[in-house]
């Protein structure tokens, strides 16, 4: 079984208050994956103790970051439900998500950006420069290694440029 963390540990790790954890679970935004029967825990409260997995902690941090951008919990919940409807087998908080504080976007596999609060309307295509640079470097290496060799500059070439 994967390592789990108590609610107290989850609060310390994620820097999210107990009230937020409780409320986000109540709203269905976050759910602790592990539950254990209470027996001598340091948590207090009623019912089984919540236990958070590493993935749960990441999800809590994602929601916290989305809240910090200015998105309301209602908008986050609406977007997560839309994602779940589109792909019931995926975990929405494991996707590449973005927000400008009003809108909620996700990066699709084809590189386009989808507005989750506008019924999946495509917004724009993302261009990842790092990948493009790597691709160009690889193509340059391939082309220069196989067909072209650098041409040595002659004395006459240098005089003509000067």
C-alpha atoms as a PDB file:
ATOM      1  CA  UNK A   1       0.000   0.000   0.000  1.00  0.00           C
ATOM      2  CA  UNK A   2       1.267   3.481  -0.839  1.00  0.00           C
ATOM      3  CA  UNK A   3       2.316   5.767   1.970  1.00  0.00           C
ATOM      4  CA  UNK A   4      -0.482   7.977   3.269  1.00  0.00           C
ATOM      5  CA  UNK A   5      -0.491  11.137   5.344  1.00  0.00           C
ATOM      6  CA  UNK A   6      -2.768  12.265   8.156  1.00  0.00           C
ATOM      7  CA  UNK A   7      -4.907  15.350   7.855  1.00  0.00           C
ATOM      8  CA  UNK A   8      -2.465  17.198  10.119  1.00  0.00           C
ATOM      9  CA  UNK A   9       0.444  16.229   7.853  1.00  0.00           C
ATOM     10  CA  UNK A  10      -1.577  17.149   4.743  1.00  0.00           C
ATOM     11  CA  UNK A  11      -2.229  20.624   6.192  1.00  0.00           C
ATOM     12  CA  UNK A  12       1.468  21.144   6.882  1.00  0.00           C
ATOM     13  CA  UNK A  13       2.614  19.777   3.523  1.00  0.00           C
ATOM     14  CA  UNK A  14       0.091  21.670   1.376  1.00  0.00           C
ATOM     15  CA  UNK A  15      -0.225  24.830   3.481  1.00  0.00           C
ATOM     16  CA  UNK A  16      -4.014  24.536   3.330  1.00  0.00           C
ATOM     17  CA  UNK A  17      -6.200  25.047   6.389  1.00  0.00           C
ATOM     18  CA  UNK A  18      -8.315  22.334   7.989  1.00  0.00           C
ATOM     19  CA  UNK A  19     -11.428  24.289   7.058  1.00  0.00           C
ATOM     20  CA  UNK A  20     -10.424  24.348   3.370  1.00  0.00           C
ATOM     21  CA  UNK A  21      -9.714  20.621   3.353  1.00  0.00           C
ATOM     22  CA  UNK A  22     -13.087  19.942   4.984  1.00  0.00           C
ATOM     23  CA  UNK A  23     -14.975  22.283   2.672  1.00  0.00           C
ATOM     24  CA  UNK A  24     -13.260  21.102  -0.513  1.00  0.00           C
ATOM     25  CA  UNK A  25     -14.123  17.521   0.412  1.00  0.00           C
ATOM     26  CA  UNK A  26     -17.695  18.518   1.262  1.00  0.00           C
ATOM     27  CA  UNK A  27     -17.996  20.155  -2.192  1.00  0.00           C
ATOM     28  CA  UNK A  28     -16.482  17.136  -3.940  1.00  0.00           C
ATOM     29  CA  UNK A  29     -13.448  19.040  -5.216  1.00  0.00           C
ATOM     30  CA  UNK A  30     -10.905  16.932  -3.290  1.00  0.00           C
ATOM     31  CA  UNK A  31     -11.303  13.548  -1.673  1.00  0.00           C
ATOM     32  CA  UNK A  32      -8.729  11.829   0.502  1.00  0.00           C
ATOM     33  CA  UNK A  33      -8.121   8.416  -1.063  1.00  0.00           C
ATOM     34  CA  UNK A  34      -7.415   6.591   2.163  1.00  0.00           C
ATOM     35  CA  UNK A  35      -9.698   6.202   5.154  1.00  0.00           C
ATOM     36  CA  UNK A  36      -8.879   4.325   8.289  1.00  0.00           C
ATOM     37  CA  UNK A  37     -10.943   3.509  11.342  1.00  0.00           C
ATOM     38  CA  UNK A  38     -10.243   5.890  14.197  1.00  0.00           C
ATOM     39  CA  UNK A  39      -8.373   4.308  17.021  1.00  0.00           C
ATOM     40  CA  UNK A  40      -5.999   6.430  19.006  1.00  0.00           C
ATOM     41  CA  UNK A  41      -5.371   8.988  16.252  1.00  0.00           C
ATOM     42  CA  UNK A  42      -4.361  12.566  16.929  1.00  0.00           C
ATOM     43  CA  UNK A  43      -6.993  13.971  14.583  1.00  0.00           C
ATOM     44  CA  UNK A  44     -10.104  14.304  16.763  1.00  0.00           C
ATOM     45  CA  UNK A  45     -13.497  14.534  15.073  1.00  0.00           C
ATOM     46  CA  UNK A  46     -15.907  11.748  14.129  1.00  0.00           C
ATOM     47  CA  UNK A  47     -15.932   8.959  11.605  1.00  0.00           C
ATOM     48  CA  UNK A  48     -12.967   7.395   9.844  1.00  0.00           C
ATOM     49  CA  UNK A  49      -9.753   9.391   9.683  1.00  0.00           C
ATOM     50  CA  UNK A  50      -8.859  10.809   6.307  1.00  0.00           C
ATOM     51  CA  UNK A  51      -5.541   9.685   4.857  1.00  0.00           C
ATOM     52  CA  UNK A  52      -3.999  11.510   1.910  1.00  0.00           C
ATOM     53  CA  UNK A  53      -1.824   9.873  -0.730  1.00  0.00           C
ATOM     54  CA  UNK A  54       0.933  11.717  -2.553  1.00  0.00           C
ATOM     55  CA  UNK A  55      -1.440  12.240  -5.511  1.00  0.00           C
ATOM     56  CA  UNK A  56      -4.069  13.639  -3.148  1.00  0.00           C
ATOM     57  CA  UNK A  57      -1.540  16.157  -1.827  1.00  0.00           C
ATOM     58  CA  UNK A  58      -0.689  17.242  -5.378  1.00  0.00           C
ATOM     59  CA  UNK A  59      -4.380  17.737  -6.137  1.00  0.00           C
ATOM     60  CA  UNK A  60      -4.820  19.854  -3.015  1.00  0.00           C
ATOM     61  CA  UNK A  61      -1.908  22.061  -4.129  1.00  0.00           C
ATOM     62  CA  UNK A  62      -3.373  22.375  -7.643  1.00  0.00           C
ATOM     63  CA  UNK A  63      -6.709  23.547  -6.236  1.00  0.00           C
ATOM     64  CA  UNK A  64      -4.887  25.949  -3.916  1.00  0.00           C
ATOM     65  CA  UNK A  65      -2.940  27.403  -6.881  1.00  0.00           C
ATOM     66  CA  UNK A  66      -6.131  27.741  -8.930  1.00  0.00           C
ATOM     67  CA  UNK A  67      -7.770  29.555  -6.016  1.00  0.00           C
ATOM     68  CA  UNK A  68      -4.748  31.864  -5.802  1.00  0.00           C
ATOM     69  CA  UNK A  69      -5.252  32.857  -9.456  1.00  0.00           C
ATOM     70  CA  UNK A  70      -8.681  34.155  -8.453  1.00  0.00           C
ATOM     71  CA  UNK A  71     -10.872  31.294  -9.652  1.00  0.00           C
ATOM     72  CA  UNK A  72     -13.838  30.657  -7.408  1.00  0.00           C
ATOM     73  CA  UNK A  73     -14.373  27.199  -5.988  1.00  0.00           C
ATOM     74  CA  UNK A  74     -17.641  27.056  -7.951  1.00  0.00           C
ATOM     75  CA  UNK A  75     -15.782  27.626 -11.242  1.00  0.00           C
ATOM     76  CA  UNK A  76     -13.151  25.052 -10.324  1.00  0.00           C
ATOM     77  CA  UNK A  77     -15.902  22.542  -9.499  1.00  0.00           C
ATOM     78  CA  UNK A  78     -17.745  23.280 -12.749  1.00  0.00           C
ATOM     79  CA  UNK A  79     -14.585  22.838 -14.823  1.00  0.00           C
ATOM     80  CA  UNK A  80     -13.624  19.610 -13.055  1.00  0.00           C
ATOM     81  CA  UNK A  81     -17.114  18.194 -13.662  1.00  0.00           C
ATOM     82  CA  UNK A  82     -16.851  19.136 -17.349  1.00  0.00           C
ATOM     83  CA  UNK A  83     -13.503  17.360 -17.583  1.00  0.00           C
ATOM     84  CA  UNK A  84     -14.902  14.267 -15.882  1.00  0.00           C
ATOM     85  CA  UNK A  85     -17.883  14.227 -18.288  1.00  0.00           C
ATOM     86  CA  UNK A  86     -15.569  14.378 -21.315  1.00  0.00           C
ATOM     87  CA  UNK A  87     -13.226  11.693 -20.062  1.00  0.00           C
ATOM     88  CA  UNK A  88     -14.638   9.693 -17.148  1.00  0.00           C
ATOM     89  CA  UNK A  89     -11.522   7.507 -16.875  1.00  0.00           C
ATOM     90  CA  UNK A  90      -9.057  10.352 -16.354  1.00  0.00           C
ATOM     91  CA  UNK A  91      -8.196  12.331 -13.267  1.00  0.00           C
ATOM     92  CA  UNK A  92      -8.818  16.007 -14.117  1.00  0.00           C
ATOM     93  CA  UNK A  93      -6.332  17.393 -11.624  1.00  0.00           C
ATOM     94  CA  UNK A  94      -3.517  15.409 -13.277  1.00  0.00           C
ATOM     95  CA  UNK A  95      -3.904  17.343 -16.527  1.00  0.00           C
ATOM     96  CA  UNK A  96      -2.078  20.507 -17.547  1.00  0.00           C
ATOM     97  CA  UNK A  97      -4.373  23.242 -16.254  1.00  0.00           C
ATOM     98  CA  UNK A  98      -4.125  27.015 -16.593  1.00  0.00           C
ATOM     99  CA  UNK A  99      -6.093  29.977 -15.367  1.00  0.00           C
ATOM    100  CA  UNK A 100      -6.055  33.707 -15.832  1.00  0.00           C
ATOM    101  CA  UNK A 101      -8.237  34.196 -12.763  1.00  0.00           C
ATOM    102  CA  UNK A 102     -11.500  34.271 -14.722  1.00  0.00           C
ATOM    103  CA  UNK A 103     -11.249  31.378 -17.130  1.00  0.00           C
ATOM    104  CA  UNK A 104     -10.068  27.817 -16.695  1.00  0.00           C
ATOM    105  CA  UNK A 105      -8.116  26.137 -19.473  1.00  0.00           C
ATOM    106  CA  UNK A 106      -6.530  22.776 -20.123  1.00  0.00           C
ATOM    107  CA  UNK A 107      -3.914  21.731 -22.626  1.00  0.00           C
ATOM    108  CA  UNK A 108      -5.164  18.938 -24.853  1.00  0.00           C
ATOM    109  CA  UNK A 109      -2.973  16.182 -26.258  1.00  0.00           C
ATOM    110  CA  UNK A 110      -3.005  17.818 -29.702  1.00  0.00           C
ATOM    111  CA  UNK A 111      -1.474  20.973 -28.179  1.00  0.00           C
ATOM    112  CA  UNK A 112      -4.594  23.128 -28.388  1.00  0.00           C
ATOM    113  CA  UNK A 113      -5.942  24.972 -25.381  1.00  0.00           C
ATOM    114  CA  UNK A 114      -9.532  24.318 -24.337  1.00  0.00           C
ATOM    115  CA  UNK A 115     -11.668  26.701 -22.271  1.00  0.00           C
ATOM    116  CA  UNK A 116     -13.373  24.421 -19.756  1.00  0.00           C
ATOM    117  CA  UNK A 117     -15.929  27.014 -18.677  1.00  0.00           C
ATOM    118  CA  UNK A 118     -17.095  27.705 -22.239  1.00  0.00           C
ATOM    119  CA  UNK A 119     -18.301  24.176 -23.023  1.00  0.00           C
ATOM    120  CA  UNK A 120     -14.929  23.054 -24.331  1.00  0.00           C
ATOM    121  CA  UNK A 121     -14.413  25.845 -26.838  1.00  0.00           C
ATOM    122  CA  UNK A 122     -10.919  25.757 -28.318  1.00  0.00           C
ATOM    123  CA  UNK A 123      -9.017  28.930 -27.613  1.00  0.00           C
ATOM    124  CA  UNK A 124      -5.616  28.742 -29.281  1.00  0.00           C
ATOM    125  CA  UNK A 125      -2.787  26.394 -30.055  1.00  0.00           C
ATOM    126  CA  UNK A 126       0.209  26.201 -27.747  1.00  0.00           C
ATOM    127  CA  UNK A 127       3.679  26.269 -29.203  1.00  0.00           C
ATOM    128  CA  UNK A 128       6.287  24.742 -26.948  1.00  0.00           C
ATOM    129  CA  UNK A 129       9.565  26.415 -27.830  1.00  0.00           C
ATOM    130  CA  UNK A 130      11.807  23.978 -25.949  1.00  0.00           C
ATOM    131  CA  UNK A 131      10.531  21.121 -28.065  1.00  0.00           C
ATOM    132  CA  UNK A 132      10.819  23.202 -31.195  1.00  0.00           C
ATOM    133  CA  UNK A 133      14.430  24.098 -30.345  1.00  0.00           C
ATOM    134  CA  UNK A 134      15.271  20.451 -29.721  1.00  0.00           C
ATOM    135  CA  UNK A 135      13.654  19.479 -33.007  1.00  0.00           C
ATOM    136  CA  UNK A 136      15.541  22.164 -34.942  1.00  0.00           C
ATOM    137  CA  UNK A 137      18.858  21.179 -33.326  1.00  0.00           C
ATOM    138  CA  UNK A 138      18.254  17.529 -34.181  1.00  0.00           C
ATOM    139  CA  UNK A 139      17.378  18.399 -37.771  1.00  0.00           C
ATOM    140  CA  UNK A 140      20.432  20.654 -38.103  1.00  0.00           C
ATOM    141  CA  UNK A 141      22.666  17.861 -36.812  1.00  0.00           C
ATOM    142  CA  UNK A 142      21.088  15.375 -39.176  1.00  0.00           C
ATOM    143  CA  UNK A 143      21.325  17.635 -42.226  1.00  0.00           C
ATOM    144  CA  UNK A 144      24.832  18.923 -41.594  1.00  0.00           C
ATOM    145  CA  UNK A 145      26.192  15.495 -40.738  1.00  0.00           C
ATOM    146  CA  UNK A 146      24.804  13.742 -43.777  1.00  0.00           C
ATOM    147  CA  UNK A 147      24.808  16.160 -46.712  1.00  0.00           C
ATOM    148  CA  UNK A 148      26.523  19.407 -45.960  1.00  0.00           C
ATOM    149  CA  UNK A 149      29.902  20.219 -44.612  1.00  0.00           C
ATOM    150  CA  UNK A 150      30.806  23.713 -43.484  1.00  0.00           C
ATOM    151  CA  UNK A 151      32.519  25.613 -46.269  1.00  0.00           C
ATOM    152  CA  UNK A 152      35.861  27.085 -45.313  1.00  0.00           C
ATOM    153  CA  UNK A 153      36.080  30.773 -45.881  1.00  0.00           C
ATOM    154  CA  UNK A 154      38.808  31.853 -48.265  1.00  0.00           C
ATOM    155  CA  UNK A 155      40.938  35.000 -48.080  1.00  0.00           C
ATOM    156  CA  UNK A 156      39.100  36.361 -51.143  1.00  0.00           C
ATOM    157  CA  UNK A 157      35.707  35.911 -49.405  1.00  0.00           C
ATOM    158  CA  UNK A 158      36.892  37.921 -46.413  1.00  0.00           C
ATOM    159  CA  UNK A 159      38.181  40.764 -48.642  1.00  0.00           C
ATOM    160  CA  UNK A 160      34.875  40.995 -50.542  1.00  0.00           C
ATOM    161  CA  UNK A 161      32.929  41.354 -47.292  1.00  0.00           C
ATOM    162  CA  UNK A 162      35.251  44.008 -45.904  1.00  0.00           C
END
